[in-house]
Each structure stands twice: as structure tokens, then as C-alpha cells.
Amino acid sequence: MATLVRSSICALVNCSRAARNVLPRAAVISIQQHGIHVFQKEPNTQILKNKRAFLETPKRYYSEKPPLTLAHIKDRVLLVLNLYDKIDPNKLKLDSHFMNDLGLDSLDHVEIIMAMEDEFGFEIPDVDAEKLLKPADIVRYVADREDIYS
């Protein structure tokens, strides 16, 4: 008996919730359908401002990578290498060997290759990375990869 009373009370509560939610909406819809207009004292300028924002067409701007040249690639490679803390900028040239001239080890070489991957936005396979022992080799590899010959 108690469960029957409890379930009927729950049903009444749910019906009253539904009536509170549905009746105001139904009243607004019927007012709109019958052509009854409700006027406010002052026009709402905030709605007008938002309406203008919706009427403007959205614009998208697309960009491409900056055009690469050999000089631009050389500058970017040398900039990345100058920012590396284990390389002396006075010893750095395009023909400097990473291990013999600059005194770097194999882990430093891997870090340099990873920095070049981040700078130019593509992955350098390990087989190719082993051959890149000078900044000039990196410049040539990037230029070949991006099909730049001038």
C-alpha cells in the first residue's frame, strides 16, 4: 500500500514539473500564432547589436608556409644551431663537423636533428639523420626534401 501511495505522489510531482515547463512555452507559442504582440517600453538595443553580429559573414584567412630559398634555409639552420647551448657560435660555420670541429657527441647530434625536425615541420628518418654531420648537409637535405634548388 505504501508503495502505491509513494508512486502516485511521484507521478503527481512529475506531472506538476511537466506542467510548469510546458505551459509557459505553449502560452508563448499560442500568442505568437494568433498575432498578439507584446511591446516593451524601450527597444532592446543589445538584441540589435547581437543581430548585426550574426548578419556579418564570417571570414577565414588561410596561410601558406613562407617561401623557402637556400639562403632562408641556411639562416634558419644556423639560427637553431646558434641557440643550442653546447655549440660555440664563434666556431660554427656551414662546413663545421658536429663531432670533430664542434666537439658534440651522438646524443647532441640526435638533439640537433630533433630541433631541425621541429623547425622545418617534418620527420627526418634515422637512416638519413646519420648522414647529416654538418650544417651544410642539413641545408642540402631540407632543400632536397622541399624541392628547392636555387
C-alpha atoms as a PDB file:
ATOM      1  CA  MET A   1       0.000   0.000   0.000  1.00  0.00           C
ATOM      2  CA  ALA A   2       2.846   2.343   0.880  1.00  0.00           C
ATOM      3  CA  THR A   3       4.492   1.778  -2.484  1.00  0.00           C
ATOM      4  CA  LEU A   4       1.238   2.608  -4.240  1.00  0.00           C
ATOM      5  CA  VAL A   5       0.947   5.906  -2.364  1.00  0.00           C
ATOM      6  CA  ARG A   6       4.619   6.687  -2.989  1.00  0.00           C
ATOM      7  CA  SER A   7       4.321   6.011  -6.720  1.00  0.00           C
ATOM      8  CA  SER A   8       1.173   8.141  -7.032  1.00  0.00           C
ATOM      9  CA  ILE A   9       2.884  11.042  -5.232  1.00  0.00           C
ATOM     10  CA  CYS A  10       5.886  10.739  -7.576  1.00  0.00           C
ATOM     11  CA  ALA A  11       3.544  10.748 -10.580  1.00  0.00           C
ATOM     12  CA  LEU A  12       1.830  13.929  -9.348  1.00  0.00           C
ATOM     13  CA  VAL A  13       5.174  15.639  -8.757  1.00  0.00           C
ATOM     14  CA  ASN A  14       6.380  14.712 -12.231  1.00  0.00           C
ATOM     15  CA  CYS A  15       3.134  15.972 -13.792  1.00  0.00           C
ATOM     16  CA  SER A  16       3.424  19.287 -11.971  1.00  0.00           C
ATOM     17  CA  ARG A  17       7.030  19.675 -13.162  1.00  0.00           C
ATOM     18  CA  ALA A  18       5.979  18.981 -16.725  1.00  0.00           C
ATOM     19  CA  ALA A  19       3.114  21.455 -16.445  1.00  0.00           C
ATOM     20  CA  ARG A  20       5.446  24.157 -15.140  1.00  0.00           C
ATOM     21  CA  ASN A  21       7.819  23.645 -18.059  1.00  0.00           C
ATOM     22  CA  VAL A  22       5.308  23.114 -20.866  1.00  0.00           C
ATOM     23  CA  LEU A  23       2.522  25.589 -20.092  1.00  0.00           C
ATOM     24  CA  PRO A  24       4.553  28.828 -20.336  1.00  0.00           C
ATOM     25  CA  ARG A  25       6.055  27.680 -23.631  1.00  0.00           C
ATOM     26  CA  ALA A  26       2.649  26.731 -25.001  1.00  0.00           C
ATOM     27  CA  ALA A  27       1.248  30.119 -23.989  1.00  0.00           C
ATOM     28  CA  VAL A  28       4.045  31.954 -25.795  1.00  0.00           C
ATOM     29  CA  ILE A  29       3.564  29.874 -28.924  1.00  0.00           C
ATOM     30  CA  SER A  30      -0.188  30.465 -28.975  1.00  0.00           C
ATOM     31  CA  ILE A  31       0.308  34.215 -28.521  1.00  0.00           C
ATOM     32  CA  GLN A  32       2.735  34.260 -31.443  1.00  0.00           C
ATOM     33  CA  GLN A  33       0.416  32.203 -33.654  1.00  0.00           C
ATOM     34  CA  HIS A  34      -2.636  34.400 -33.005  1.00  0.00           C
ATOM     35  CA  GLY A  35      -0.799  37.599 -33.820  1.00  0.00           C
ATOM     36  CA  ILE A  36      -0.936  39.080 -30.341  1.00  0.00           C
ATOM     37  CA  HIS A  37       2.119  41.260 -29.845  1.00  0.00           C
ATOM     38  CA  VAL A  38       3.586  42.282 -26.554  1.00  0.00           C
ATOM     39  CA  PHE A  39       5.504  45.565 -26.690  1.00  0.00           C
ATOM     40  CA  GLN A  40       8.282  46.560 -24.362  1.00  0.00           C
ATOM     41  CA  LYS A  41       8.650  50.091 -23.091  1.00  0.00           C
ATOM     42  CA  GLU A  42      12.075  50.604 -24.693  1.00  0.00           C
ATOM     43  CA  PRO A  43      13.628  48.704 -27.584  1.00  0.00           C
ATOM     44  CA  ASN A  44      16.314  46.319 -26.517  1.00  0.00           C
ATOM     45  CA  THR A  45      19.481  47.606 -28.176  1.00  0.00           C
ATOM     46  CA  GLN A  46      21.513  44.627 -27.033  1.00  0.00           C
ATOM     47  CA  ILE A  47      19.464  42.349 -29.308  1.00  0.00           C
ATOM     48  CA  LEU A  48      20.077  44.697 -32.232  1.00  0.00           C
ATOM     49  CA  LYS A  49      23.822  44.633 -31.634  1.00  0.00           C
ATOM     50  CA  ASN A  50      23.848  40.848 -31.492  1.00  0.00           C
ATOM     51  CA  LYS A  51      21.713  40.665 -34.639  1.00  0.00           C
ATOM     52  CA  ARG A  52      24.321  42.679 -36.531  1.00  0.00           C
ATOM     53  CA  ALA A  53      26.997  40.265 -35.385  1.00  0.00           C
ATOM     54  CA  PHE A  54      25.019  37.348 -36.817  1.00  0.00           C
ATOM     55  CA  LEU A  55      24.419  39.102 -40.124  1.00  0.00           C
ATOM     56  CA  GLU A  56      28.128  39.606 -40.810  1.00  0.00           C
ATOM     57  CA  THR A  57      29.589  36.824 -42.861  1.00  0.00           C
ATOM     58  CA  PRO A  58      32.480  35.041 -41.202  1.00  0.00           C
ATOM     59  CA  LYS A  59      35.838  35.360 -42.883  1.00  0.00           C
ATOM     60  CA  ARG A  60      38.569  32.772 -42.899  1.00  0.00           C
ATOM     61  CA  TYR A  61      42.141  33.570 -43.653  1.00  0.00           C
ATOM     62  CA  TYR A  62      44.374  30.793 -44.857  1.00  0.00           C
ATOM     63  CA  SER A  63      48.109  30.973 -44.952  1.00  0.00           C
ATOM     64  CA  GLU A  64      50.869  29.016 -46.529  1.00  0.00           C
ATOM     65  CA  LYS A  65      54.362  28.334 -45.400  1.00  0.00           C
ATOM     66  CA  PRO A  66      56.731  31.167 -46.213  1.00  0.00           C
ATOM     67  CA  PRO A  67      58.569  30.583 -49.473  1.00  0.00           C
ATOM     68  CA  LEU A  68      61.825  28.795 -48.808  1.00  0.00           C
ATOM     69  CA  THR A  69      65.084  29.647 -50.513  1.00  0.00           C
ATOM     70  CA  LEU A  70      68.528  28.241 -49.903  1.00  0.00           C
ATOM     71  CA  ALA A  71      69.549  31.429 -48.099  1.00  0.00           C
ATOM     72  CA  HIS A  72      66.452  31.255 -45.892  1.00  0.00           C
ATOM     73  CA  ILE A  73      67.140  27.595 -45.053  1.00  0.00           C
ATOM     74  CA  LYS A  74      70.789  28.400 -44.214  1.00  0.00           C
ATOM     75  CA  ASP A  75      69.713  31.227 -41.920  1.00  0.00           C
ATOM     76  CA  ARG A  76      67.191  29.041 -40.098  1.00  0.00           C
ATOM     77  CA  VAL A  77      69.644  26.164 -39.666  1.00  0.00           C
ATOM     78  CA  LEU A  78      72.350  28.474 -38.335  1.00  0.00           C
ATOM     79  CA  LEU A  79      69.856  30.188 -36.024  1.00  0.00           C
ATOM     80  CA  VAL A  80      68.778  26.872 -34.491  1.00  0.00           C
ATOM     81  CA  LEU A  81      72.401  25.819 -34.065  1.00  0.00           C
ATOM     82  CA  ASN A  82      73.379  29.174 -32.531  1.00  0.00           C
ATOM     83  CA  LEU A  83      70.597  28.764 -29.969  1.00  0.00           C
ATOM     84  CA  TYR A  84      71.910  25.330 -28.965  1.00  0.00           C
ATOM     85  CA  ASP A  85      73.831  25.828 -25.728  1.00  0.00           C
ATOM     86  CA  LYS A  86      76.625  23.302 -26.391  1.00  0.00           C
ATOM     87  CA  ILE A  87      77.754  24.933 -29.647  1.00  0.00           C
ATOM     88  CA  ASP A  88      80.193  27.834 -29.601  1.00  0.00           C
ATOM     89  CA  PRO A  89      78.807  30.419 -32.076  1.00  0.00           C
ATOM     90  CA  ASN A  90      82.368  31.533 -32.951  1.00  0.00           C
ATOM     91  CA  LYS A  91      83.280  28.056 -34.241  1.00  0.00           C
ATOM     92  CA  LEU A  92      80.016  27.489 -36.101  1.00  0.00           C
ATOM     93  CA  LYS A  93      80.190  27.572 -39.905  1.00  0.00           C
ATOM     94  CA  LEU A  94      78.284  25.742 -42.605  1.00  0.00           C
ATOM     95  CA  ASP A  95      81.184  23.325 -43.081  1.00  0.00           C
ATOM     96  CA  SER A  96      81.804  22.666 -39.366  1.00  0.00           C
ATOM     97  CA  HIS A  97      81.638  18.981 -38.466  1.00  0.00           C
ATOM     98  CA  PHE A  98      79.435  18.419 -35.431  1.00  0.00           C
ATOM     99  CA  MET A  99      81.729  15.877 -33.749  1.00  0.00           C
ATOM    100  CA  ASN A 100      85.212  16.803 -34.966  1.00  0.00           C
ATOM    101  CA  ASP A 101      85.034  20.620 -35.080  1.00  0.00           C
ATOM    102  CA  LEU A 102      82.323  21.426 -32.534  1.00  0.00           C
ATOM    103  CA  GLY A 103      83.012  18.619 -30.041  1.00  0.00           C
ATOM    104  CA  LEU A 104      79.487  17.228 -29.872  1.00  0.00           C
ATOM    105  CA  ASP A 105      78.626  13.618 -29.088  1.00  0.00           C
ATOM    106  CA  SER A 106      75.971  11.349 -30.593  1.00  0.00           C
ATOM    107  CA  LEU A 107      73.253  12.441 -28.141  1.00  0.00           C
ATOM    108  CA  ASP A 108      73.872  16.078 -29.054  1.00  0.00           C
ATOM    109  CA  HIS A 109      73.598  15.083 -32.710  1.00  0.00           C
ATOM    110  CA  VAL A 110      70.205  13.479 -32.047  1.00  0.00           C
ATOM    111  CA  GLU A 111      69.026  16.632 -30.229  1.00  0.00           C
ATOM    112  CA  ILE A 112      70.130  18.785 -33.172  1.00  0.00           C
ATOM    113  CA  ILE A 113      68.248  16.578 -35.631  1.00  0.00           C
ATOM    114  CA  MET A 114      65.130  16.762 -33.437  1.00  0.00           C
ATOM    115  CA  ALA A 115      65.430  20.558 -33.313  1.00  0.00           C
ATOM    116  CA  MET A 116      65.653  20.636 -37.121  1.00  0.00           C
ATOM    117  CA  GLU A 117      62.553  18.435 -37.354  1.00  0.00           C
ATOM    118  CA  ASP A 118      60.685  20.897 -35.141  1.00  0.00           C
ATOM    119  CA  GLU A 119      61.971  23.896 -37.085  1.00  0.00           C
ATOM    120  CA  PHE A 120      61.036  22.626 -40.543  1.00  0.00           C
ATOM    121  CA  GLY A 121      57.963  20.585 -39.606  1.00  0.00           C
ATOM    122  CA  PHE A 122      58.819  17.141 -40.942  1.00  0.00           C
ATOM    123  CA  GLU A 123      60.412  13.994 -39.604  1.00  0.00           C
ATOM    124  CA  ILE A 124      63.925  13.019 -40.594  1.00  0.00           C
ATOM    125  CA  PRO A 125      64.367   9.220 -40.669  1.00  0.00           C
ATOM    126  CA  ASP A 126      67.247   7.760 -38.640  1.00  0.00           C
ATOM    127  CA  VAL A 127      68.967   6.459 -41.779  1.00  0.00           C
ATOM    128  CA  ASP A 128      69.103   9.983 -43.197  1.00  0.00           C
ATOM    129  CA  ALA A 129      69.925  11.575 -39.829  1.00  0.00           C
ATOM    130  CA  GLU A 130      73.144   9.545 -39.554  1.00  0.00           C
ATOM    131  CA  LYS A 131      74.400  11.201 -42.758  1.00  0.00           C
ATOM    132  CA  LEU A 132      73.735  14.777 -41.571  1.00  0.00           C
ATOM    133  CA  LEU A 133      77.054  15.555 -39.889  1.00  0.00           C
ATOM    134  CA  LYS A 134      77.449  19.216 -40.928  1.00  0.00           C
ATOM    135  CA  PRO A 135      75.087  22.191 -41.120  1.00  0.00           C
ATOM    136  CA  ALA A 136      75.638  22.194 -44.892  1.00  0.00           C
ATOM    137  CA  ASP A 137      74.364  18.597 -45.016  1.00  0.00           C
ATOM    138  CA  ILE A 138      71.198  19.649 -43.167  1.00  0.00           C
ATOM    139  CA  VAL A 139      70.679  22.585 -45.545  1.00  0.00           C
ATOM    140  CA  ARG A 140      71.081  20.311 -48.562  1.00  0.00           C
ATOM    141  CA  TYR A 141      68.730  17.679 -47.070  1.00  0.00           C
ATOM    142  CA  VAL A 142      65.984  20.226 -46.304  1.00  0.00           C
ATOM    143  CA  ALA A 143      66.347  21.798 -49.750  1.00  0.00           C
ATOM    144  CA  ASP A 144      66.078  18.387 -51.438  1.00  0.00           C
ATOM    145  CA  ARG A 145      63.099  17.470 -49.291  1.00  0.00           C
ATOM    146  CA  GLU A 146      61.275  20.714 -50.135  1.00  0.00           C
ATOM    147  CA  ASP A 147      62.378  20.657 -53.826  1.00  0.00           C
ATOM    148  CA  ILE A 148      64.360  23.887 -53.638  1.00  0.00           C
ATOM    149  CA  TYR A 149      67.300  24.228 -55.985  1.00  0.00           C
ATOM    150  CA  SER A 150      68.021  27.947 -56.084  1.00  0.00           C
END
